[in-house]
Amino acid sequence: MKSDFSTPAAPLRGLGGPLRSSEPVRAAPAPSAAVVLLEEAADLLVVHLDFGAALQTCERALPSLANLDAGTSLEVKCSLCIVGIQALAEMNRWREVLSWVLQYYQVPEKLPPKVLELCVLLYSKMQEPGAMLEVVSAWLQDSDNQDLPEYRALAELHLQRVLLPLGCLSEAEELVVGSAGFSEEQRLDVLQAISKARQQQKHQRLGSEEAQKLNQEGSFSHKFLSLLMLLRRLWDSTVSHFFSLPFKKSLLAALILCLLVVRFDPASPSSLPFLCKLSQLFHRIQEAIFSLYRLPIHD
C-alpha cells in the first residue's frame, strides 16, 4: 500500500487574516530523503510490482533516518520495514525476514508492534511459528512494551499462532496467568483451550506408545513364529532322512551306538533279550512315525 506522509496543503493565511501581496509566501518544508524513498519503495511494491527494487530502496532509505526527529524517524523506519517485509515475502525470501528486520532494531524488544505482528502472521502462515517463539517471548517480557496498547493483541496472537500450535502449553499458561492484559473472561477461555489441548496431547502420546508396543510385540511374534517354522523344517528333514533308510540299516546304526556308549557284547547270550526288545522298539517307532507322515514302511 502506498504510504503518504505529506500533509495536505492549507489555505495561505497570515496570523491576522488573509495573506497580503506584500507578505512573503511561506514554502512548505521539503520532505526528507527517507520519506521520498519510502514513497518510491511503496510505488515499486504496489504499482510496479518490482519487489527487488522496492527492497533495495528501503535499504537505501533506512540509514538516512538520522536527519529526522525522533517521532518521525520511528514512524518512517517502521513503514520502511513493513514494505521490506512484504517485498521479501513476495520474492519467496520470507525466511530472511526476521534477520533482516533485526539488523535495524538490534534486539527483539525494540521491534514496533506492527512489525512484530506482521512477522508472526508471516511465519505462522508458512508453518514456521517456532522461528518467532523466543522473539515474541522476549518482546512480551519487556516492561516498556507491557504498557503499550498493542500488548494484549500481540499476547493473544502469540498464544494462538505460536504457543498453542507448537504445544508449548506450560508457557501459554504462564503467559495467561501472569499477564495483566487479559480480562478474567478471556483468561478462563484461554485456560480451557489449554486444558483441551493438553488432553489431546496426552491422548496422542498414549496412542503413539500403544502403537509402538504393538509393533514391538508383532515383531517379536513374527520372529518367534519364523524360528518355530525353521525348527519344524529341520526336524521334518532329519526324520525324513533317517526313516528313508532301510530298517535293518537303522537297527545296525543303533547297535553300533550301543556298542560305543553302553559297551555291551552283542554275541553274549545275555544280550539276546535286549536286542529283541530293541528291535521291537525300533519297529514300533518306525510304524508310528511313518503313519504320522503317511509314508510307506520299508523293512
Protein backbone atom coordinates (compact mmCIF):
# COMPACT_ATOMS: atom_id res chain seq x y z
CA MET A 1 0.00 0.00 0.00
CA LYS A 2 1.37 3.40 -0.87
CA SER A 3 2.33 5.36 2.20
CA ASP A 4 1.89 9.16 2.06
CA PHE A 5 3.48 11.20 4.82
CA SER A 6 2.93 14.57 3.14
CA THR A 7 0.41 16.93 4.77
CA PRO A 8 -2.46 18.43 2.76
CA ALA A 9 -1.99 21.98 1.62
CA ALA A 10 -3.68 24.55 3.85
CA PRO A 11 -5.02 27.96 2.79
CA LEU A 12 -2.29 30.56 2.64
CA ARG A 13 -3.17 32.82 5.59
CA GLY A 14 -1.10 35.01 7.82
CA LEU A 15 -1.51 35.44 11.51
CA GLY A 16 -4.06 38.28 11.18
CA GLY A 17 -6.10 37.14 8.22
CA PRO A 18 -5.64 36.61 4.50
CA LEU A 19 -2.12 36.96 3.19
CA ARG A 20 -1.34 40.35 1.59
CA SER A 21 0.67 40.63 -1.59
CA SER A 22 3.42 42.43 0.28
CA GLU A 23 3.97 39.45 2.69
CA PRO A 24 6.35 36.64 1.63
CA VAL A 25 4.87 33.23 0.90
CA ARG A 26 5.97 30.57 3.40
CA ALA A 27 7.05 27.48 1.49
CA ALA A 28 6.27 24.05 2.95
CA PRO A 29 9.37 22.22 4.18
CA ALA A 30 10.77 19.79 1.65
CA PRO A 31 10.27 16.15 2.57
CA SER A 32 13.36 14.35 3.78
CA ALA A 33 15.23 11.85 1.65
CA ALA A 34 13.93 8.95 3.77
CA VAL A 35 10.30 9.96 3.21
CA VAL A 36 10.86 10.34 -0.53
CA LEU A 37 12.49 6.92 -0.69
CA LEU A 38 9.63 5.42 1.34
CA GLU A 39 7.10 6.69 -1.20
CA GLU A 40 9.27 5.40 -4.03
CA ALA A 41 9.57 1.95 -2.39
CA ALA A 42 5.80 1.79 -1.86
CA ASP A 43 5.20 2.63 -5.54
CA LEU A 44 7.68 -0.03 -6.65
CA LEU A 45 6.00 -2.62 -4.42
CA VAL A 46 2.34 -1.91 -5.13
CA VAL A 47 2.21 -0.26 -8.56
CA HIS A 48 5.18 -1.63 -10.47
CA LEU A 49 5.44 -4.97 -8.61
CA ASP A 50 9.22 -4.63 -8.70
CA PHE A 51 9.89 -6.30 -5.35
CA GLY A 52 13.66 -6.40 -5.65
CA ALA A 53 13.87 -2.68 -6.38
CA ALA A 54 11.44 -1.94 -3.54
CA LEU A 55 13.67 -3.84 -1.11
CA GLN A 56 16.79 -2.04 -2.31
CA THR A 57 15.06 1.31 -1.95
CA CYS A 58 14.12 0.51 1.66
CA GLU A 59 17.70 -0.48 2.40
CA ARG A 60 18.92 2.83 0.96
CA ALA A 61 16.42 4.81 2.98
CA LEU A 62 16.93 3.20 6.40
CA PRO A 63 20.45 4.62 7.05
CA SER A 64 19.24 8.18 6.26
CA LEU A 65 16.79 8.43 9.18
CA ALA A 66 19.21 10.33 11.40
CA ASN A 67 18.13 13.67 9.87
CA LEU A 68 14.54 13.27 11.12
CA ASP A 69 13.16 13.97 14.54
CA ALA A 70 12.68 11.01 16.88
CA GLY A 71 8.93 10.54 16.37
CA THR A 72 9.02 10.83 12.58
CA SER A 73 12.11 8.68 12.37
CA LEU A 74 10.44 5.80 14.24
CA GLU A 75 7.33 6.02 12.08
CA VAL A 76 9.22 6.12 8.79
CA LYS A 77 11.53 3.31 9.92
CA CYS A 78 8.55 1.12 10.79
CA SER A 79 6.93 1.81 7.41
CA LEU A 80 10.14 1.03 5.54
CA CYS A 81 10.45 -2.28 7.38
CA ILE A 82 6.86 -3.20 6.56
CA VAL A 83 7.48 -2.53 2.86
CA GLY A 84 10.71 -4.53 3.04
CA ILE A 85 8.96 -7.48 4.73
CA GLN A 86 6.28 -7.55 2.04
CA ALA A 87 8.92 -7.38 -0.70
CA LEU A 88 10.87 -10.31 0.80
CA ALA A 89 7.69 -12.35 1.14
CA GLU A 90 6.70 -11.68 -2.47
CA MET A 91 10.14 -12.90 -3.62
CA ASN A 92 9.72 -16.08 -1.52
CA ARG A 93 12.55 -14.97 0.75
CA TRP A 94 10.38 -15.00 3.84
CA ARG A 95 12.97 -16.92 5.87
CA GLU A 96 15.20 -13.84 5.73
CA VAL A 97 12.56 -11.52 7.17
CA LEU A 98 13.39 -11.85 10.86
CA SER A 99 17.14 -11.45 10.46
CA TRP A 100 16.61 -8.57 8.02
CA VAL A 101 14.41 -6.68 10.46
CA LEU A 102 16.64 -7.33 13.48
CA GLN A 103 19.65 -5.81 11.76
CA TYR A 104 17.89 -2.44 12.01
CA TYR A 105 16.46 -2.87 15.53
CA GLN A 106 19.27 -4.98 17.04
CA VAL A 107 17.13 -6.59 19.79
CA PRO A 108 13.60 -8.08 19.65
CA GLU A 109 12.38 -5.85 22.50
CA LYS A 110 12.71 -2.77 20.26
CA LEU A 111 10.58 -4.08 17.40
CA PRO A 112 7.47 -1.96 16.70
CA PRO A 113 4.19 -3.79 17.36
CA LYS A 114 3.14 -3.57 13.70
CA VAL A 115 6.40 -5.11 12.50
CA LEU A 116 6.24 -7.86 15.12
CA GLU A 117 2.64 -8.67 14.26
CA LEU A 118 3.44 -8.91 10.57
CA CYS A 119 6.36 -11.26 11.28
CA VAL A 120 4.19 -13.54 13.45
CA LEU A 121 1.48 -13.73 10.80
CA LEU A 122 4.02 -14.43 8.06
CA TYR A 123 5.90 -17.22 9.85
CA SER A 124 2.65 -18.73 11.11
CA LYS A 125 1.23 -18.81 7.58
CA MET A 126 4.39 -20.51 6.33
CA GLN A 127 4.08 -23.20 9.07
CA GLU A 128 7.23 -21.99 10.88
CA PRO A 129 5.92 -20.45 14.12
CA GLY A 130 8.93 -21.74 16.06
CA ALA A 131 11.10 -19.05 14.49
CA MET A 132 9.12 -16.40 16.39
CA LEU A 133 8.96 -18.16 19.78
CA GLU A 134 11.94 -16.53 21.50
CA VAL A 135 11.48 -13.18 19.73
CA VAL A 136 7.88 -12.64 20.82
CA SER A 137 8.53 -14.01 24.31
CA ALA A 138 11.35 -11.50 24.80
CA TRP A 139 9.16 -8.67 23.49
CA LEU A 140 6.26 -9.56 25.82
CA GLN A 141 8.53 -9.80 28.88
CA ASP A 142 9.91 -6.29 28.35
CA SER A 143 8.44 -3.91 30.92
CA ASP A 144 8.28 -0.98 28.48
CA ASN A 145 6.24 -2.97 25.98
CA GLN A 146 3.72 -4.07 28.62
CA ASP A 147 2.40 -0.51 28.80
CA LEU A 148 1.68 -0.30 25.06
CA PRO A 149 -1.94 -0.51 23.88
CA GLU A 150 -0.99 -3.22 21.38
CA TYR A 151 0.37 -5.51 24.10
CA ARG A 152 -2.81 -7.55 24.68
CA ALA A 153 -3.42 -8.12 20.96
CA LEU A 154 0.15 -9.34 20.48
CA ALA A 155 -0.10 -11.59 23.53
CA GLU A 156 -3.27 -13.19 22.13
CA LEU A 157 -1.63 -13.55 18.72
CA HIS A 158 1.39 -15.20 20.34
CA LEU A 159 -0.91 -17.68 22.09
CA GLN A 160 -2.98 -18.60 19.06
CA ARG A 161 -0.29 -18.57 16.37
CA VAL A 162 2.88 -19.66 18.21
CA LEU A 163 2.47 -21.29 21.63
CA LEU A 164 -0.58 -23.49 21.07
CA PRO A 165 0.45 -24.76 17.60
CA LEU A 166 3.89 -25.65 19.00
CA GLY A 167 2.38 -27.43 22.01
CA CYS A 168 4.06 -25.05 24.49
CA LEU A 169 1.18 -25.40 26.94
CA SER A 170 3.09 -24.54 30.11
CA GLU A 171 4.42 -21.33 28.54
CA ALA A 172 0.93 -20.45 27.34
CA GLU A 173 -0.49 -20.98 30.82
CA GLU A 174 2.21 -18.82 32.41
CA LEU A 175 1.54 -16.04 29.90
CA VAL A 176 -2.19 -16.01 30.55
CA VAL A 177 -1.92 -16.18 34.33
CA GLY A 178 0.91 -13.69 34.66
CA SER A 179 -0.24 -11.09 32.14
CA ALA A 180 -2.47 -8.20 33.17
CA GLY A 181 -3.53 -7.68 29.56
CA PHE A 182 -6.20 -10.38 29.71
CA SER A 183 -9.62 -9.93 31.23
CA GLU A 184 -10.97 -12.59 33.55
CA GLU A 185 -13.30 -13.95 30.88
CA GLN A 186 -10.51 -14.12 28.31
CA ARG A 187 -8.24 -15.80 30.85
CA LEU A 188 -10.83 -18.52 31.53
CA ASP A 189 -11.41 -19.12 27.82
CA VAL A 190 -7.70 -19.47 27.13
CA LEU A 191 -7.16 -21.77 30.11
CA GLN A 192 -9.97 -24.03 28.88
CA ALA A 193 -8.37 -24.14 25.44
CA ILE A 194 -5.02 -25.03 27.03
CA SER A 195 -6.63 -27.79 29.10
CA LYS A 196 -8.28 -29.24 26.00
CA ALA A 197 -5.01 -29.11 24.08
CA ARG A 198 -3.20 -30.83 26.96
CA GLN A 199 -5.76 -33.70 26.94
CA GLN A 200 -5.37 -34.11 23.19
CA GLN A 201 -1.61 -34.12 23.59
CA LYS A 202 -1.89 -36.83 26.26
CA HIS A 203 -4.16 -38.99 24.09
CA GLN A 204 -1.81 -38.67 21.15
CA ARG A 205 1.16 -39.68 23.31
CA LEU A 206 -0.68 -42.72 24.70
CA GLY A 207 -1.79 -43.74 21.24
CA SER A 208 1.77 -43.47 19.97
CA GLU A 209 3.10 -45.57 22.86
CA GLU A 210 0.45 -48.27 22.30
CA ALA A 211 1.17 -48.39 18.59
CA GLN A 212 4.88 -48.73 19.29
CA LYS A 213 4.24 -51.51 21.81
CA LEU A 214 2.02 -53.39 19.37
CA ASN A 215 4.64 -53.07 16.68
CA GLN A 216 7.27 -54.47 19.02
CA GLU A 217 5.03 -57.38 20.07
CA GLY A 218 4.16 -58.10 16.46
CA SER A 219 7.82 -58.10 15.50
CA PHE A 220 8.68 -60.49 18.35
CA SER A 221 5.79 -62.82 17.46
CA HIS A 222 6.82 -62.82 13.81
CA LYS A 223 10.42 -63.70 14.70
CA PHE A 224 9.28 -66.43 17.11
CA LEU A 225 6.97 -67.99 14.53
CA SER A 226 9.73 -67.86 11.94
CA LEU A 227 12.06 -69.67 14.36
CA LEU A 228 9.44 -72.36 15.05
CA MET A 229 8.85 -72.90 11.35
CA LEU A 230 12.60 -73.23 10.78
CA LEU A 231 12.90 -75.78 13.58
CA ARG A 232 9.91 -77.69 12.19
CA ARG A 233 11.51 -77.85 8.76
CA LEU A 234 14.80 -79.02 10.25
CA TRP A 235 13.00 -81.72 12.28
CA ASP A 236 10.99 -82.87 9.27
CA SER A 237 14.12 -83.05 7.16
CA THR A 238 16.01 -85.02 9.83
CA VAL A 239 13.19 -87.51 10.42
CA SER A 240 12.55 -87.93 6.73
CA HIS A 241 16.22 -88.57 6.05
CA PHE A 242 16.55 -91.02 8.95
CA PHE A 243 13.50 -93.10 8.08
CA SER A 244 14.25 -93.10 4.42
CA LEU A 245 16.99 -95.60 5.33
CA PRO A 246 16.03 -99.31 5.41
CA PHE A 247 15.03 -100.65 8.80
CA LYS A 248 17.97 -103.03 9.02
CA LYS A 249 20.44 -100.21 8.48
CA SER A 250 18.73 -98.16 11.24
CA LEU A 251 18.93 -101.10 13.61
CA LEU A 252 22.59 -101.61 12.74
CA ALA A 253 23.30 -97.94 13.48
CA ALA A 254 21.55 -98.27 16.85
CA LEU A 255 23.62 -101.37 17.71
CA ILE A 256 26.85 -99.61 16.86
CA LEU A 257 25.75 -96.70 19.03
CA CYS A 258 25.04 -99.06 21.92
CA LEU A 259 28.47 -100.64 21.47
CA LEU A 260 30.10 -97.29 21.72
CA VAL A 261 28.03 -95.96 24.62
CA VAL A 262 26.94 -98.94 26.72
CA ARG A 263 29.88 -101.20 25.79
CA PHE A 264 27.97 -104.49 25.88
CA ASP A 265 28.82 -107.62 23.88
CA PRO A 266 26.12 -108.48 21.30
CA ALA A 267 27.48 -112.07 20.98
CA SER A 268 26.79 -112.72 24.62
CA PRO A 269 23.64 -114.87 25.34
CA SER A 270 22.56 -112.36 27.95
CA SER A 271 22.35 -109.68 25.27
CA LEU A 272 19.74 -111.53 23.19
CA PRO A 273 16.62 -110.35 25.11
CA PHE A 274 17.87 -106.76 24.95
CA LEU A 275 18.44 -106.99 21.20
CA CYS A 276 14.96 -108.38 20.67
CA LYS A 277 13.36 -105.60 22.69
CA LEU A 278 15.48 -103.01 20.88
CA SER A 279 14.37 -104.42 17.51
CA GLN A 280 10.71 -104.33 18.54
CA LEU A 281 11.07 -100.78 19.86
CA PHE A 282 12.61 -99.51 16.63
CA HIS A 283 9.95 -101.26 14.63
CA ARG A 284 7.14 -99.61 16.62
CA ILE A 285 8.75 -96.18 16.43
CA GLN A 286 9.15 -96.58 12.71
CA GLU A 287 5.50 -97.59 12.28
CA ALA A 288 4.26 -94.69 14.42
CA ILE A 289 6.27 -92.06 12.62
CA PHE A 290 5.54 -93.41 9.16
CA SER A 291 1.83 -93.50 9.98
CA LEU A 292 2.14 -89.89 11.15
CA TYR A 293 3.76 -88.77 7.91
CA ARG A 294 1.72 -91.25 5.84
CA LEU A 295 4.81 -92.79 4.32
CA PRO A 296 5.20 -96.45 3.27
CA ILE A 297 7.13 -98.64 5.70
CA HIS A 298 10.31 -100.29 4.39
CA ASP A 299 11.57 -103.34 6.23
